[in-house]
């Protein structure tokens, strides 16, 4: 049972950068894949990126590939999402999630998620 807390969102202009963090607790000694999803009002939750425990397997959605970078620091039980060249289309609530496998996370199968952090990108 992992508790997740996202942070780092904010209001920025197009082209700016943000770095999101997700701190995990509750089962910090276990291994698990982690990922990021986002959801805009009136839209479905969308997969963004996922990473395996040892960072050997990483996947991105086509919409963020080349602009976003996912990473994790297991020593402090935290996953990060570096977002560069932000676009208005990136505006959404970003959620951190955990799962058994990266492929399962990428297909929308997750075990738990946090409360989310708002990212707003103006034109």
N, C-alpha and C. Protein backbone atom coordinates (compact mmCIF):
# COMPACT_ATOMS: atom_id res chain seq x y z
N UNK A 1 0.85 -1.18 0.00
CA UNK A 1 0.00 0.00 0.00
C UNK A 1 0.89 1.24 0.00
N UNK A 2 0.95 1.93 -1.13
CA UNK A 2 1.82 3.09 -1.30
C UNK A 2 0.99 4.36 -1.34
N UNK A 3 1.40 5.33 -0.55
CA UNK A 3 0.79 6.65 -0.58
C UNK A 3 1.62 7.56 -1.46
N UNK A 4 0.97 8.35 -2.31
CA UNK A 4 1.65 9.20 -3.27
C UNK A 4 1.22 10.65 -3.12
N UNK A 5 2.20 11.55 -3.15
CA UNK A 5 1.93 12.98 -3.04
C UNK A 5 2.68 13.71 -4.13
N UNK A 6 1.93 14.32 -5.06
CA UNK A 6 2.53 15.07 -6.16
C UNK A 6 2.75 16.53 -5.77
N UNK A 7 3.75 17.15 -6.39
CA UNK A 7 4.02 18.56 -6.17
C UNK A 7 4.78 19.11 -7.38
N UNK A 8 4.87 20.43 -7.47
CA UNK A 8 5.65 21.07 -8.51
C UNK A 8 4.87 21.73 -9.61
N UNK A 9 3.56 21.58 -9.61
CA UNK A 9 2.75 22.21 -10.65
C UNK A 9 2.69 23.70 -10.47
N UNK A 10 2.13 24.37 -11.47
CA UNK A 10 2.01 25.82 -11.42
C UNK A 10 1.50 26.39 -12.71
N UNK A 11 1.49 27.72 -12.78
CA UNK A 11 1.05 28.46 -13.95
C UNK A 11 2.26 29.03 -14.66
N UNK A 12 2.46 28.65 -15.91
CA UNK A 12 3.61 29.12 -16.69
C UNK A 12 3.18 29.47 -18.10
N UNK A 13 4.05 30.17 -18.80
CA UNK A 13 3.80 30.51 -20.20
C UNK A 13 4.32 29.42 -21.12
N UNK A 14 3.78 29.36 -22.31
CA UNK A 14 4.24 28.38 -23.29
C UNK A 14 5.74 28.51 -23.51
N UNK A 15 6.40 27.36 -23.58
CA UNK A 15 7.84 27.33 -23.76
C UNK A 15 8.61 27.19 -22.47
N UNK A 16 7.95 27.39 -21.34
CA UNK A 16 8.60 27.29 -20.04
C UNK A 16 8.77 25.84 -19.61
N UNK A 17 9.41 25.65 -18.47
CA UNK A 17 9.66 24.33 -17.93
C UNK A 17 9.13 24.20 -16.51
N UNK A 18 8.76 22.99 -16.15
CA UNK A 18 8.36 22.66 -14.79
C UNK A 18 8.92 21.29 -14.44
N UNK A 19 9.16 21.08 -13.17
CA UNK A 19 9.62 19.78 -12.69
C UNK A 19 8.67 19.28 -11.62
N UNK A 20 7.97 18.21 -11.92
CA UNK A 20 7.04 17.61 -10.99
C UNK A 20 7.74 16.55 -10.16
N UNK A 21 7.31 16.41 -8.92
CA UNK A 21 7.83 15.39 -8.03
C UNK A 21 6.68 14.59 -7.45
N UNK A 22 6.93 13.34 -7.15
CA UNK A 22 5.96 12.48 -6.51
C UNK A 22 6.67 11.67 -5.44
N UNK A 23 6.34 11.94 -4.20
CA UNK A 23 6.95 11.25 -3.08
C UNK A 23 6.07 10.08 -2.66
N UNK A 24 6.68 8.93 -2.51
CA UNK A 24 5.98 7.71 -2.13
C UNK A 24 6.30 7.32 -0.70
N UNK A 25 5.31 6.79 -0.01
CA UNK A 25 5.49 6.31 1.34
C UNK A 25 4.53 5.15 1.59
N UNK A 26 4.74 4.47 2.70
CA UNK A 26 3.86 3.37 3.06
C UNK A 26 4.48 2.00 2.82
N UNK A 27 5.10 1.83 1.66
CA UNK A 27 5.83 0.61 1.33
C UNK A 27 7.09 0.99 0.58
N UNK A 28 7.88 1.84 1.19
CA UNK A 28 9.06 2.39 0.54
C UNK A 28 10.15 1.36 0.28
N UNK A 29 10.07 0.22 0.94
CA UNK A 29 11.07 -0.82 0.74
C UNK A 29 10.78 -1.76 -0.41
N UNK A 30 9.60 -1.68 -0.99
CA UNK A 30 9.21 -2.56 -2.08
C UNK A 30 9.61 -1.98 -3.43
N UNK A 31 9.59 -2.82 -4.46
CA UNK A 31 9.90 -2.39 -5.82
C UNK A 31 8.62 -2.30 -6.64
N UNK A 32 8.52 -1.28 -7.46
CA UNK A 32 7.34 -1.08 -8.26
C UNK A 32 7.62 -0.09 -9.38
N UNK A 33 6.87 -0.20 -10.45
CA UNK A 33 6.95 0.77 -11.52
C UNK A 33 6.13 2.00 -11.14
N UNK A 34 6.52 3.15 -11.68
CA UNK A 34 5.79 4.38 -11.41
C UNK A 34 5.56 5.12 -12.72
N UNK A 35 4.53 5.92 -12.73
CA UNK A 35 4.22 6.65 -13.95
C UNK A 35 3.44 7.91 -13.68
N UNK A 36 3.26 8.68 -14.73
CA UNK A 36 2.50 9.91 -14.67
C UNK A 36 1.35 9.87 -15.65
N UNK A 37 0.21 10.34 -15.21
CA UNK A 37 -0.98 10.51 -16.03
C UNK A 37 -1.44 11.95 -15.91
N UNK A 38 -2.27 12.39 -16.83
CA UNK A 38 -2.82 13.72 -16.74
C UNK A 38 -4.26 13.71 -17.21
N UNK A 39 -5.02 14.67 -16.70
CA UNK A 39 -6.42 14.76 -17.06
C UNK A 39 -6.86 16.21 -17.09
N UNK A 40 -7.38 16.63 -18.22
CA UNK A 40 -7.95 17.96 -18.37
C UNK A 40 -9.45 17.88 -18.16
N UNK A 41 -10.09 18.98 -17.75
CA UNK A 41 -11.54 18.96 -17.54
C UNK A 41 -12.29 18.48 -18.77
N UNK A 42 -13.20 17.53 -18.57
CA UNK A 42 -13.99 17.01 -19.66
C UNK A 42 -13.29 16.01 -20.54
N UNK A 43 -12.07 15.66 -20.21
CA UNK A 43 -11.31 14.71 -21.02
C UNK A 43 -10.94 13.48 -20.20
N UNK A 44 -10.59 12.41 -20.90
CA UNK A 44 -10.18 11.18 -20.25
C UNK A 44 -8.78 11.33 -19.67
N UNK A 45 -8.52 10.53 -18.65
CA UNK A 45 -7.18 10.50 -18.10
C UNK A 45 -6.24 9.90 -19.15
N UNK A 46 -5.10 10.55 -19.34
CA UNK A 46 -4.17 10.22 -20.41
C UNK A 46 -2.82 9.80 -19.85
N UNK A 47 -2.28 8.73 -20.38
CA UNK A 47 -0.95 8.28 -20.00
C UNK A 47 0.09 9.27 -20.49
N UNK A 48 1.09 9.54 -19.65
CA UNK A 48 2.17 10.47 -20.00
C UNK A 48 3.51 9.76 -20.07
N UNK A 49 3.89 9.08 -19.01
CA UNK A 49 5.20 8.42 -18.95
C UNK A 49 5.20 7.40 -17.84
N UNK A 50 6.08 6.40 -17.95
CA UNK A 50 6.23 5.39 -16.91
C UNK A 50 7.67 4.93 -16.87
N UNK A 51 8.09 4.45 -15.70
CA UNK A 51 9.46 4.03 -15.49
C UNK A 51 9.49 2.85 -14.53
N UNK A 52 10.35 1.87 -14.82
CA UNK A 52 10.49 0.71 -13.95
C UNK A 52 11.30 1.08 -12.72
N UNK A 53 11.31 0.19 -11.74
CA UNK A 53 11.98 0.46 -10.47
C UNK A 53 13.47 0.79 -10.66
N UNK A 54 14.14 0.03 -11.53
CA UNK A 54 15.56 0.22 -11.77
C UNK A 54 15.84 1.17 -12.94
N UNK A 55 14.81 1.79 -13.49
CA UNK A 55 14.91 2.75 -14.58
C UNK A 55 15.39 2.13 -15.89
N UNK A 56 15.27 0.82 -16.03
CA UNK A 56 15.70 0.15 -17.25
C UNK A 56 14.64 0.19 -18.35
N UNK A 57 13.39 0.36 -17.97
CA UNK A 57 12.30 0.42 -18.93
C UNK A 57 11.56 1.73 -18.76
N UNK A 58 11.49 2.51 -19.83
CA UNK A 58 10.85 3.81 -19.81
C UNK A 58 9.98 3.95 -21.05
N UNK A 59 8.79 4.48 -20.87
CA UNK A 59 7.90 4.73 -22.00
C UNK A 59 7.26 6.10 -21.87
N UNK A 60 7.07 6.76 -23.01
CA UNK A 60 6.42 8.06 -23.08
C UNK A 60 5.29 8.02 -24.09
N UNK A 61 4.30 8.85 -23.86
CA UNK A 61 3.29 9.05 -24.87
C UNK A 61 3.90 9.86 -26.01
N UNK A 62 3.34 9.71 -27.20
CA UNK A 62 3.87 10.43 -28.35
C UNK A 62 3.77 11.95 -28.17
N UNK A 63 2.78 12.40 -27.45
CA UNK A 63 2.55 13.83 -27.30
C UNK A 63 3.62 14.53 -26.46
N UNK A 64 4.35 13.78 -25.63
CA UNK A 64 5.36 14.40 -24.78
C UNK A 64 6.77 13.92 -25.09
N UNK A 65 6.91 12.95 -25.94
CA UNK A 65 8.23 12.40 -26.26
C UNK A 65 9.13 13.49 -26.82
N UNK A 66 10.34 13.56 -26.28
CA UNK A 66 11.29 14.58 -26.69
C UNK A 66 11.22 15.85 -25.88
N UNK A 67 10.15 16.03 -25.12
CA UNK A 67 9.99 17.23 -24.30
C UNK A 67 10.01 16.93 -22.80
N UNK A 68 9.46 15.78 -22.42
CA UNK A 68 9.39 15.39 -21.02
C UNK A 68 10.39 14.29 -20.73
N UNK A 69 10.89 14.26 -19.50
CA UNK A 69 11.80 13.22 -19.06
C UNK A 69 11.36 12.71 -17.69
N UNK A 70 11.15 11.40 -17.59
CA UNK A 70 10.79 10.80 -16.31
C UNK A 70 12.04 10.17 -15.69
N UNK A 71 12.17 10.29 -14.39
CA UNK A 71 13.28 9.69 -13.67
C UNK A 71 12.83 9.38 -12.25
N UNK A 72 13.65 8.65 -11.51
CA UNK A 72 13.30 8.35 -10.13
C UNK A 72 14.55 8.21 -9.29
N UNK A 73 14.39 8.48 -8.02
CA UNK A 73 15.46 8.34 -7.04
C UNK A 73 14.91 7.46 -5.94
N UNK A 74 15.23 6.18 -6.01
CA UNK A 74 14.67 5.23 -5.05
C UNK A 74 15.19 5.44 -3.63
N UNK A 75 16.34 6.09 -3.50
CA UNK A 75 16.87 6.37 -2.17
C UNK A 75 15.95 7.28 -1.37
N UNK A 76 15.21 8.14 -2.07
CA UNK A 76 14.27 9.03 -1.40
C UNK A 76 12.83 8.76 -1.85
N UNK A 77 12.61 7.62 -2.50
CA UNK A 77 11.27 7.17 -2.86
C UNK A 77 10.49 8.22 -3.65
N UNK A 78 11.15 8.78 -4.66
CA UNK A 78 10.56 9.87 -5.41
C UNK A 78 10.73 9.67 -6.92
N UNK A 79 9.68 9.96 -7.66
CA UNK A 79 9.73 9.97 -9.12
C UNK A 79 9.54 11.40 -9.59
N UNK A 80 10.22 11.76 -10.68
CA UNK A 80 10.19 13.11 -11.19
C UNK A 80 9.69 13.13 -12.63
N UNK A 81 9.17 14.26 -13.03
CA UNK A 81 8.81 14.49 -14.42
C UNK A 81 9.29 15.87 -14.80
N UNK A 82 10.38 15.92 -15.56
CA UNK A 82 10.90 17.18 -16.07
C UNK A 82 10.16 17.52 -17.35
N UNK A 83 9.48 18.64 -17.37
CA UNK A 83 8.66 19.05 -18.50
C UNK A 83 9.26 20.30 -19.12
N UNK A 84 9.73 20.18 -20.34
CA UNK A 84 10.31 21.30 -21.08
C UNK A 84 9.43 21.65 -22.27
N UNK A 85 9.63 22.85 -22.78
CA UNK A 85 8.89 23.32 -23.96
C UNK A 85 7.39 23.10 -23.79
N UNK A 86 6.87 23.52 -22.67
CA UNK A 86 5.47 23.29 -22.37
C UNK A 86 4.55 24.00 -23.35
N UNK A 87 3.45 23.34 -23.66
CA UNK A 87 2.45 23.86 -24.58
C UNK A 87 1.12 24.01 -23.86
N UNK A 88 0.24 24.87 -24.35
CA UNK A 88 -1.09 24.97 -23.74
C UNK A 88 -1.82 23.63 -23.67
N UNK A 89 -1.56 22.75 -24.62
CA UNK A 89 -2.18 21.43 -24.64
C UNK A 89 -1.74 20.55 -23.47
N UNK A 90 -0.67 20.94 -22.79
CA UNK A 90 -0.19 20.20 -21.63
C UNK A 90 -0.96 20.54 -20.36
N UNK A 91 -1.81 21.54 -20.42
CA UNK A 91 -2.59 21.95 -19.26
C UNK A 91 -3.48 20.81 -18.78
N UNK A 92 -3.32 20.44 -17.51
CA UNK A 92 -4.07 19.33 -16.94
C UNK A 92 -3.67 19.16 -15.48
N UNK A 93 -4.40 18.32 -14.79
CA UNK A 93 -3.98 17.85 -13.49
C UNK A 93 -3.11 16.62 -13.71
N UNK A 94 -1.92 16.64 -13.16
CA UNK A 94 -0.99 15.54 -13.34
C UNK A 94 -1.00 14.64 -12.12
N UNK A 95 -1.16 13.35 -12.37
CA UNK A 95 -1.25 12.35 -11.30
C UNK A 95 -0.09 11.38 -11.38
N UNK A 96 0.42 11.03 -10.24
CA UNK A 96 1.43 9.99 -10.13
C UNK A 96 0.73 8.68 -9.81
N UNK A 97 1.22 7.58 -10.39
CA UNK A 97 0.61 6.28 -10.17
C UNK A 97 1.67 5.20 -10.04
N UNK A 98 1.30 4.10 -9.39
CA UNK A 98 2.18 2.95 -9.25
C UNK A 98 1.54 1.72 -9.86
N UNK A 99 2.38 0.77 -10.24
CA UNK A 99 1.89 -0.47 -10.80
C UNK A 99 2.98 -1.51 -10.82
N UNK A 100 2.61 -2.71 -11.21
CA UNK A 100 3.56 -3.81 -11.22
C UNK A 100 4.54 -3.74 -12.39
N UNK A 101 4.04 -3.35 -13.56
CA UNK A 101 4.84 -3.32 -14.77
C UNK A 101 4.62 -2.03 -15.54
N UNK A 102 5.67 -1.57 -16.24
CA UNK A 102 5.57 -0.37 -17.04
C UNK A 102 4.50 -0.53 -18.12
N UNK A 103 4.46 -1.69 -18.76
CA UNK A 103 3.47 -1.92 -19.82
C UNK A 103 2.05 -1.83 -19.29
N UNK A 104 1.83 -2.30 -18.08
CA UNK A 104 0.50 -2.21 -17.48
C UNK A 104 0.14 -0.76 -17.19
N UNK A 105 1.09 0.00 -16.69
CA UNK A 105 0.84 1.42 -16.44
C UNK A 105 0.53 2.16 -17.74
N UNK A 106 1.29 1.86 -18.78
CA UNK A 106 1.10 2.53 -20.05
C UNK A 106 -0.27 2.26 -20.65
N UNK A 107 -0.86 1.13 -20.31
CA UNK A 107 -2.19 0.78 -20.81
C UNK A 107 -3.30 1.20 -19.85
N UNK A 108 -2.95 1.90 -18.78
CA UNK A 108 -3.94 2.41 -17.86
C UNK A 108 -4.22 1.55 -16.65
N UNK A 109 -3.44 0.51 -16.44
CA UNK A 109 -3.63 -0.38 -15.29
C UNK A 109 -2.68 0.02 -14.17
N UNK A 110 -3.23 0.67 -13.16
CA UNK A 110 -2.43 1.10 -12.03
C UNK A 110 -3.05 0.65 -10.72
N UNK A 111 -2.22 0.59 -9.69
CA UNK A 111 -2.68 0.13 -8.40
C UNK A 111 -3.15 1.27 -7.50
N UNK A 112 -2.56 2.44 -7.69
CA UNK A 112 -2.93 3.58 -6.88
C UNK A 112 -2.40 4.86 -7.49
N UNK A 113 -2.92 5.98 -7.01
CA UNK A 113 -2.51 7.27 -7.52
C UNK A 113 -2.64 8.33 -6.43
N UNK A 114 -2.01 9.47 -6.67
CA UNK A 114 -2.08 10.55 -5.71
C UNK A 114 -3.22 11.50 -5.99
N UNK A 115 -3.19 12.65 -5.33
CA UNK A 115 -4.25 13.64 -5.46
C UNK A 115 -4.05 14.56 -6.67
N UNK A 116 -2.87 14.58 -7.24
CA UNK A 116 -2.61 15.36 -8.43
C UNK A 116 -2.05 16.73 -8.15
N UNK A 117 -1.41 17.31 -9.17
CA UNK A 117 -0.91 18.67 -9.10
C UNK A 117 -1.26 19.37 -10.41
N UNK A 118 -1.76 20.60 -10.30
CA UNK A 118 -2.26 21.32 -11.46
C UNK A 118 -1.13 21.97 -12.25
N UNK A 119 -1.14 21.74 -13.56
CA UNK A 119 -0.21 22.40 -14.47
C UNK A 119 -1.04 23.20 -15.47
N UNK A 120 -0.79 24.50 -15.53
CA UNK A 120 -1.50 25.36 -16.45
C UNK A 120 -0.50 26.11 -17.32
N UNK A 121 -0.64 26.00 -18.63
CA UNK A 121 0.27 26.63 -19.57
C UNK A 121 -0.52 27.63 -20.41
N UNK A 122 -0.15 28.88 -20.32
CA UNK A 122 -0.83 29.93 -21.06
C UNK A 122 -0.15 30.15 -22.40
N UNK A 123 -0.90 30.74 -23.34
CA UNK A 123 -0.37 31.00 -24.68
C UNK A 123 0.58 32.18 -24.68
